[in-house]
Amino acid sequence: MKVKNNKPDQILTITIFALIVFGLVMISSAGVAVSQYRFNDGYYFFKHQLFYGVLPGLFLMFLAQKIDYRIWKKFALLLFAASLFFLVLVFVPGLGLKFQGASRWIQLGPFSFQPSEMLKLTMILYLAAWLEGKKELKTDLFEGFIPFLAIIGVISFLVMKQPDMGTLGIIVLVAMCVYFLSGAKTSHIAMMIAGGAAAFLALVKFESYRMSRLLVFLHPELDPRGVGYQINQALLAIGSGGIFGLGLGHSRQKFNYLPEPVGDSIFAIVCEEIGLIGAAVLIFLFFVFAMRGFKIAKKAPDMFGRLVAVGITSWIIFQTLINISAISGLIPLTGVTLPFVSYGGTSLIFSMIGVGILLNISKKCEKM
């Protein structure tokens, strides 16, 4: 007789809380200099993340954990369409907020909202609902593969208009994972990989700043005060930390040397302040998250739950790998944040909603 858990996965819950606390501690430390400089308050970023990210995120995660995950299937198309609509709104004058040449936010009074973060979650729910139980369509060129490409094409167009190549990379990788695990043909996946590689090269070639980032990735010494400044400062921070770090709060790079110390560069501050040991602990937490997430997917009671669990887990893990690899100089800089750790309310809230859904799926699984 199969016995269900009826309780959310405890290991996953503890892991998420550990990552959130880790993030708050590092934002408090990494953001003290830039907070003081920009807002005359050394703990502005910490307080903003706590009150506009963590607390509402915890409430919504608890709520999502209580809602039967199968209910999301009924609203998947509506939520996905709303995400696309919000992506269009970022280009509307008076609503869209442009920052450093990118249109990625909607401004509503004192609050800003990043629709692409909502899209990551709603796309997973929509693809899982669409692909569930349609094996014959998934392997068919005209009924499965081409419609899937059309969906990805619409998303790609809107995200690249912002532009946000890093986010698009995460979205495409997650979509391919969900599509492949739903039973798609390997040949279709191979065609997508080949097409994606060609599209990447084209996007890099036709935008000078992307080509510059690629050249700096290959030769970091080329422009250390220009395009290569962030990666060189990040590598300096990582190298300075050594095994045990300089001590929590003792980073030198956060004092207006390293750009975005609470954003996509926060992993470099982690390495500088708490060293290789601290970075290893953080990576281990994400490893535990991946193991529990994929185990939930394996034991999910239906295809919809399985695809949603795989999608949410791969989303968090792909984004983590891309962020850490980019700031460590293993891939070109992308500008994506480190889940649960980097500053950003929209990203944290939707990540926590996703975790809430994952925890609900775990309640319906056999005992693990």
Protein backbone atom coordinates (compact mmCIF):
# COMPACT_ATOMS: atom_id res chain seq x y z
CA MET A 1 0.00 0.00 0.00
CA LYS A 2 1.36 3.41 -0.99
CA VAL A 3 1.48 5.89 1.88
CA LYS A 4 1.50 9.62 1.13
CA ASN A 5 3.51 12.12 3.13
CA ASN A 6 0.66 14.57 3.88
CA LYS A 7 3.40 16.88 5.14
CA PRO A 8 5.73 19.07 3.09
CA ASP A 9 9.28 17.82 2.60
CA GLN A 10 11.11 18.82 5.78
CA ILE A 11 14.62 18.72 4.33
CA LEU A 12 13.61 20.99 1.45
CA THR A 13 11.86 23.38 3.87
CA ILE A 14 14.93 23.64 6.11
CA THR A 15 17.18 24.12 3.07
CA ILE A 16 15.07 27.02 1.77
CA PHE A 17 15.00 28.73 5.16
CA ALA A 18 18.79 28.32 5.40
CA LEU A 19 19.25 29.91 1.95
CA ILE A 20 16.97 32.83 2.81
CA VAL A 21 18.78 33.53 6.10
CA PHE A 22 22.13 33.20 4.31
CA GLY A 23 20.92 35.73 1.74
CA LEU A 24 19.75 38.25 4.33
CA VAL A 25 23.06 38.03 6.21
CA MET A 26 25.07 38.54 3.02
CA ILE A 27 22.87 41.40 1.76
CA SER A 28 23.27 43.10 5.14
CA SER A 29 27.05 42.80 4.87
CA ALA A 30 27.59 43.28 1.13
CA GLY A 31 25.17 46.18 0.80
CA VAL A 32 26.27 48.36 3.72
CA ALA A 33 28.56 50.65 1.68
CA VAL A 34 26.34 51.10 -1.38
CA SER A 35 23.25 51.50 0.86
CA GLN A 36 24.95 54.28 2.78
CA TYR A 37 26.15 55.96 -0.41
CA ARG A 38 22.83 55.82 -2.28
CA PHE A 39 20.24 56.12 0.50
CA ASN A 40 22.17 57.41 3.53
CA ASP A 41 21.11 54.23 5.33
CA GLY A 42 23.62 51.39 5.67
CA TYR A 43 20.85 48.78 5.97
CA TYR A 44 18.47 49.98 3.25
CA PHE A 45 18.92 46.90 1.06
CA PHE A 46 18.61 44.55 4.03
CA LYS A 47 15.38 46.16 5.27
CA HIS A 48 13.93 46.38 1.76
CA GLN A 49 14.69 42.72 1.08
CA LEU A 50 13.21 41.68 4.44
CA PHE A 51 9.99 43.68 4.27
CA TYR A 52 9.30 43.60 0.51
CA GLY A 53 10.81 40.23 -0.34
CA VAL A 54 11.22 37.74 2.49
CA LEU A 55 8.08 38.43 4.55
CA PRO A 56 5.57 38.53 1.64
CA GLY A 57 7.49 35.65 0.04
CA LEU A 58 7.12 33.50 3.17
CA PHE A 59 3.39 34.22 3.30
CA LEU A 60 2.90 33.34 -0.37
CA MET A 61 5.10 30.24 -0.05
CA PHE A 62 2.97 29.07 2.89
CA LEU A 63 -0.20 29.78 0.89
CA ALA A 64 1.08 27.94 -2.21
CA GLN A 65 2.10 25.01 -0.03
CA LYS A 66 -1.51 24.75 1.16
CA ILE A 67 -3.10 24.89 -2.31
CA ASP A 68 -3.45 21.58 -4.16
CA TYR A 69 -0.92 21.89 -7.01
CA ARG A 70 -3.42 20.45 -9.51
CA ILE A 71 -5.53 23.60 -9.20
CA TRP A 72 -2.78 25.54 -10.97
CA LYS A 73 -3.52 23.52 -14.10
CA LYS A 74 -6.88 25.31 -14.48
CA PHE A 75 -5.29 28.76 -14.39
CA ALA A 76 -2.02 27.97 -16.17
CA LEU A 77 -2.99 29.50 -19.53
CA LEU A 78 -4.47 32.62 -17.93
CA LEU A 79 -1.38 33.20 -15.76
CA PHE A 80 0.97 32.62 -18.70
CA ALA A 81 -1.01 35.08 -20.86
CA ALA A 82 -0.92 37.64 -18.03
CA SER A 83 2.88 37.27 -17.85
CA LEU A 84 3.20 37.95 -21.58
CA PHE A 85 0.89 40.96 -21.22
CA PHE A 86 3.07 42.36 -18.41
CA LEU A 87 6.15 41.79 -20.58
CA VAL A 88 4.57 44.06 -23.20
CA LEU A 89 3.73 46.69 -20.57
CA VAL A 90 7.43 47.27 -19.76
CA PHE A 91 7.65 49.14 -23.09
CA VAL A 92 4.68 51.44 -22.34
CA PRO A 93 5.83 54.98 -21.40
CA GLY A 94 4.78 55.87 -17.88
CA LEU A 95 4.56 52.23 -16.82
CA GLY A 96 7.82 50.73 -17.97
CA LEU A 97 10.96 51.63 -16.04
CA LYS A 98 14.17 51.91 -18.05
CA PHE A 99 17.46 51.43 -16.20
CA GLN A 100 20.93 51.33 -17.76
CA GLY A 101 19.42 50.89 -21.22
CA ALA A 102 17.18 47.93 -20.26
CA SER A 103 13.36 47.95 -20.03
CA ARG A 104 12.70 45.13 -17.56
CA TRP A 105 10.49 46.65 -14.87
CA ILE A 106 6.97 48.01 -14.42
CA GLN A 107 6.80 50.96 -12.03
CA LEU A 108 3.67 51.22 -9.87
CA GLY A 109 4.14 54.18 -7.55
CA PRO A 110 6.96 53.35 -5.14
CA PHE A 111 6.97 49.69 -6.20
CA SER A 112 8.69 48.08 -9.19
CA PHE A 113 7.86 44.68 -10.64
CA GLN A 114 9.91 42.51 -13.03
CA PRO A 115 7.52 40.50 -15.26
CA SER A 116 10.22 38.12 -16.52
CA GLU A 117 10.44 36.63 -12.99
CA MET A 118 6.72 35.88 -13.07
CA LEU A 119 7.14 34.42 -16.56
CA LYS A 120 9.64 31.79 -15.36
CA LEU A 121 7.04 30.25 -13.05
CA THR A 122 3.95 30.66 -15.21
CA MET A 123 5.72 29.22 -18.25
CA ILE A 124 6.53 26.06 -16.26
CA LEU A 125 2.89 25.70 -15.15
CA TYR A 126 1.60 26.29 -18.68
CA LEU A 127 4.00 23.88 -20.38
CA ALA A 128 3.28 21.19 -17.77
CA ALA A 129 -0.49 21.59 -18.27
CA TRP A 130 -0.16 21.61 -22.07
CA LEU A 131 2.21 18.64 -22.29
CA GLU A 132 0.52 16.40 -19.73
CA GLY A 133 -0.94 13.26 -21.22
CA LYS A 134 -0.32 14.22 -24.88
CA LYS A 135 2.39 11.75 -25.80
CA GLU A 136 1.32 11.50 -29.43
CA LEU A 137 1.44 15.28 -29.82
CA LYS A 138 4.83 15.69 -28.20
CA THR A 139 6.50 13.42 -30.73
CA ASP A 140 4.67 14.89 -33.70
CA LEU A 141 6.44 17.60 -35.69
CA PHE A 142 3.39 19.74 -36.49
CA GLU A 143 1.25 19.05 -33.43
CA GLY A 144 3.97 19.18 -30.79
CA PHE A 145 7.40 20.44 -31.83
CA ILE A 146 6.41 23.43 -33.97
CA PRO A 147 3.81 24.77 -31.45
CA PHE A 148 6.45 24.44 -28.72
CA LEU A 149 8.93 26.42 -30.84
CA ALA A 150 6.24 29.05 -31.46
CA ILE A 151 5.73 29.48 -27.70
CA ILE A 152 9.48 29.81 -27.13
CA GLY A 153 9.71 32.18 -30.10
CA VAL A 154 7.12 34.60 -28.64
CA ILE A 155 8.84 34.54 -25.25
CA SER A 156 12.27 35.05 -26.85
CA PHE A 157 11.11 38.05 -28.86
CA LEU A 158 9.64 39.83 -25.83
CA VAL A 159 12.55 39.06 -23.49
CA MET A 160 15.21 40.07 -26.02
CA LYS A 161 13.41 43.36 -26.67
CA GLN A 162 14.16 44.31 -23.04
CA PRO A 163 16.98 43.03 -23.59
CA ASP A 164 17.80 40.25 -21.12
CA MET A 165 19.85 37.47 -22.65
CA GLY A 166 20.67 35.81 -19.31
CA THR A 167 17.02 35.43 -18.35
CA LEU A 168 16.18 34.14 -21.82
CA GLY A 169 18.89 31.49 -21.49
CA ILE A 170 17.37 30.26 -18.22
CA ILE A 171 13.85 30.22 -19.68
CA VAL A 172 14.90 28.26 -22.76
CA LEU A 173 16.92 25.71 -20.76
CA VAL A 174 14.03 25.12 -18.34
CA ALA A 175 11.50 24.84 -21.18
CA MET A 176 13.70 22.28 -22.94
CA CYS A 177 14.00 20.23 -19.73
CA VAL A 178 10.22 20.14 -19.26
CA TYR A 179 9.63 19.36 -22.94
CA PHE A 180 12.24 16.58 -23.03
CA LEU A 181 11.03 14.89 -19.82
CA SER A 182 7.46 14.97 -21.09
CA GLY A 183 8.48 12.45 -23.75
CA ALA A 184 9.69 14.58 -26.66
CA LYS A 185 11.93 13.12 -29.36
CA THR A 186 15.67 13.38 -28.82
CA SER A 187 16.06 14.56 -32.43
CA HIS A 188 13.77 17.53 -31.69
CA ILE A 189 15.87 18.47 -28.67
CA ALA A 190 19.04 18.18 -30.75
CA MET A 191 17.57 20.54 -33.36
CA MET A 192 16.70 23.04 -30.63
CA ILE A 193 20.22 22.91 -29.22
CA ALA A 194 21.71 23.51 -32.66
CA GLY A 195 19.26 26.32 -33.38
CA GLY A 196 19.88 27.87 -29.96
CA ALA A 197 23.63 27.86 -30.49
CA ALA A 198 23.21 29.57 -33.86
CA ALA A 199 20.84 32.16 -32.35
CA PHE A 200 23.30 32.83 -29.53
CA LEU A 201 26.13 33.51 -31.96
CA ALA A 202 23.88 35.79 -34.03
CA LEU A 203 22.77 37.76 -30.96
CA VAL A 204 26.38 38.18 -29.85
CA LYS A 205 27.58 39.22 -33.29
CA PHE A 206 24.95 41.91 -33.87
CA GLU A 207 25.26 43.66 -30.49
CA SER A 208 28.64 45.23 -29.73
CA TYR A 209 28.30 45.05 -25.92
CA ARG A 210 27.63 41.30 -26.09
CA MET A 211 30.65 40.80 -28.32
CA SER A 212 32.71 42.86 -25.87
CA ARG A 213 31.58 40.64 -22.98
CA LEU A 214 32.54 37.55 -24.95
CA LEU A 215 35.97 38.97 -25.78
CA VAL A 216 36.54 39.96 -22.14
CA PHE A 217 35.52 36.45 -21.07
CA LEU A 218 38.17 35.03 -23.40
CA HIS A 219 40.75 37.68 -22.49
CA PRO A 220 39.93 39.36 -19.11
CA GLU A 221 43.07 41.50 -19.32
CA LEU A 222 41.92 43.34 -22.47
CA ASP A 223 39.88 46.12 -20.86
CA PRO A 224 40.25 45.96 -17.05
CA ARG A 225 38.84 49.47 -16.53
CA GLY A 226 36.02 49.20 -19.03
CA VAL A 227 33.96 46.17 -20.05
CA GLY A 228 36.24 43.85 -18.07
CA TYR A 229 36.01 45.88 -14.86
CA GLN A 230 33.27 43.87 -13.11
CA ILE A 231 34.72 40.42 -13.79
CA ASN A 232 38.23 41.53 -12.82
CA GLN A 233 37.00 43.00 -9.53
CA ALA A 234 34.90 39.88 -8.90
CA LEU A 235 37.88 37.59 -9.46
CA LEU A 236 39.95 39.80 -7.16
CA ALA A 237 37.28 39.43 -4.46
CA ILE A 238 37.08 35.65 -4.91
CA GLY A 239 40.86 35.27 -4.80
CA SER A 240 41.23 37.54 -1.77
CA GLY A 241 38.99 35.34 0.35
CA GLY A 242 41.18 32.26 0.27
CA ILE A 243 39.97 29.25 2.24
CA PHE A 244 38.47 30.95 5.32
CA GLY A 245 37.75 34.46 4.00
CA LEU A 246 38.57 37.90 5.37
CA GLY A 247 35.73 37.65 7.90
CA LEU A 248 32.03 38.51 7.69
CA GLY A 249 31.70 42.24 7.11
CA HIS A 250 35.36 42.69 6.14
CA SER A 251 35.06 42.77 2.36
CA ARG A 252 37.07 45.48 0.64
CA GLN A 253 35.49 45.09 -2.80
CA LYS A 254 32.02 46.10 -1.58
CA PHE A 255 33.26 49.65 -0.95
CA ASN A 256 32.33 50.87 -4.44
CA TYR A 257 34.90 48.71 -6.22
CA LEU A 258 32.75 45.75 -7.30
CA PRO A 259 29.56 46.70 -9.19
CA GLU A 260 26.25 45.21 -7.94
CA PRO A 261 27.64 43.71 -4.70
CA VAL A 262 24.11 42.80 -3.51
CA GLY A 263 22.93 41.73 -6.97
CA ASP A 264 24.57 39.42 -9.47
CA SER A 265 28.02 39.91 -7.85
CA ILE A 266 27.05 38.76 -4.36
CA PHE A 267 28.74 35.36 -4.73
CA ALA A 268 32.09 37.15 -5.08
CA ILE A 269 31.46 38.90 -1.74
CA VAL A 270 30.53 35.54 -0.21
CA CYS A 271 33.91 34.16 -1.30
CA GLU A 272 35.79 37.25 -0.12
CA GLU A 273 34.21 37.39 3.34
CA ILE A 274 33.68 33.73 4.27
CA GLY A 275 36.05 32.10 1.81
CA LEU A 276 36.01 28.76 0.06
CA ILE A 277 34.39 27.15 3.12
CA GLY A 278 31.44 29.54 3.08
CA ALA A 279 31.03 29.23 -0.70
CA ALA A 280 31.09 25.42 -0.38
CA VAL A 281 28.33 25.55 2.26
CA LEU A 282 26.20 27.71 -0.03
CA ILE A 283 26.75 25.40 -3.02
CA PHE A 284 25.95 22.39 -0.81
CA LEU A 285 22.59 23.95 0.12
CA PHE A 286 21.72 24.31 -3.57
CA PHE A 287 22.87 20.73 -4.14
CA VAL A 288 20.47 19.53 -1.41
CA PHE A 289 17.71 21.61 -3.01
CA ALA A 290 18.37 19.92 -6.36
CA MET A 291 18.38 16.42 -4.87
CA ARG A 292 15.11 16.95 -2.97
CA GLY A 293 13.45 18.71 -5.90
CA PHE A 294 14.25 15.97 -8.40
CA LYS A 295 13.28 13.30 -5.87
CA ILE A 296 9.89 14.97 -5.48
CA ALA A 297 9.57 15.01 -9.28
CA LYS A 298 10.39 11.30 -9.46
CA LYS A 299 7.75 10.40 -6.87
CA ALA A 300 5.06 12.87 -8.00
CA PRO A 301 1.68 11.13 -8.41
CA ASP A 302 0.97 12.39 -11.95
CA MET A 303 2.67 13.81 -15.04
CA PHE A 304 1.61 17.39 -14.31
CA GLY A 305 3.20 17.29 -10.84
CA ARG A 306 6.31 15.63 -12.25
CA LEU A 307 6.80 18.26 -14.94
CA VAL A 308 6.12 21.18 -12.58
CA ALA A 309 8.59 19.80 -10.02
CA VAL A 310 11.27 19.29 -12.67
CA GLY A 311 10.63 22.76 -14.07
CA ILE A 312 10.84 24.58 -10.73
CA THR A 313 13.92 22.66 -9.60
CA SER A 314 15.77 23.10 -12.89
CA TRP A 315 14.86 26.82 -12.93
CA ILE A 316 16.51 27.45 -9.56
CA ILE A 317 19.52 25.24 -10.31
CA PHE A 318 20.17 26.59 -13.82
CA GLN A 319 19.98 30.17 -12.53
CA THR A 320 22.37 29.30 -9.69
CA LEU A 321 24.87 27.65 -12.03
CA ILE A 322 24.74 30.54 -14.49
CA ASN A 323 25.22 33.18 -11.78
CA ILE A 324 28.11 31.42 -10.04
CA SER A 325 29.79 30.46 -13.33
CA ALA A 326 29.51 34.00 -14.71
CA ILE A 327 30.88 35.77 -11.64
CA SER A 328 33.69 33.19 -11.41
CA GLY A 329 34.75 33.79 -15.00
CA LEU A 330 33.68 30.36 -16.29
CA ILE A 331 31.12 31.83 -18.73
CA PRO A 332 30.54 35.41 -20.00
CA LEU A 333 28.81 37.79 -17.59
CA THR A 334 25.03 37.60 -17.84
CA GLY A 335 23.59 39.74 -15.04
CA VAL A 336 21.25 37.09 -13.56
CA THR A 337 20.81 36.99 -9.79
CA LEU A 338 21.65 34.21 -7.34
CA PRO A 339 18.32 32.68 -6.19
CA PHE A 340 17.31 33.37 -2.56
CA VAL A 341 20.60 35.18 -1.92
CA SER A 342 20.82 38.20 -4.25
CA TYR A 343 18.83 41.37 -3.63
CA GLY A 344 15.55 41.56 -5.54
CA GLY A 345 12.00 41.32 -4.25
CA THR A 346 10.28 40.11 -7.42
CA SER A 347 12.80 37.33 -7.97
CA LEU A 348 12.62 36.17 -4.35
CA ILE A 349 8.82 36.24 -4.15
CA PHE A 350 8.23 34.18 -7.31
CA SER A 351 11.02 31.76 -6.38
CA MET A 352 9.32 31.22 -3.02
CA ILE A 353 5.91 30.73 -4.63
CA GLY A 354 7.54 28.11 -6.85
CA VAL A 355 9.02 26.41 -3.78
CA GLY A 356 5.57 26.48 -2.15
CA ILE A 357 4.12 24.61 -5.14
CA LEU A 358 7.02 22.14 -4.97
CA LEU A 359 6.34 21.55 -1.27
CA ASN A 360 2.67 20.89 -2.02
CA ILE A 361 3.65 18.30 -4.61
CA SER A 362 5.86 16.66 -1.97
CA LYS A 363 2.80 16.26 0.28
CA LYS A 364 1.12 14.13 -2.40
CA CYS A 365 4.15 11.88 -2.98
CA GLU A 366 4.80 8.51 -1.42
CA LYS A 367 6.89 8.72 1.73
CA MET A 368 10.46 9.55 0.74
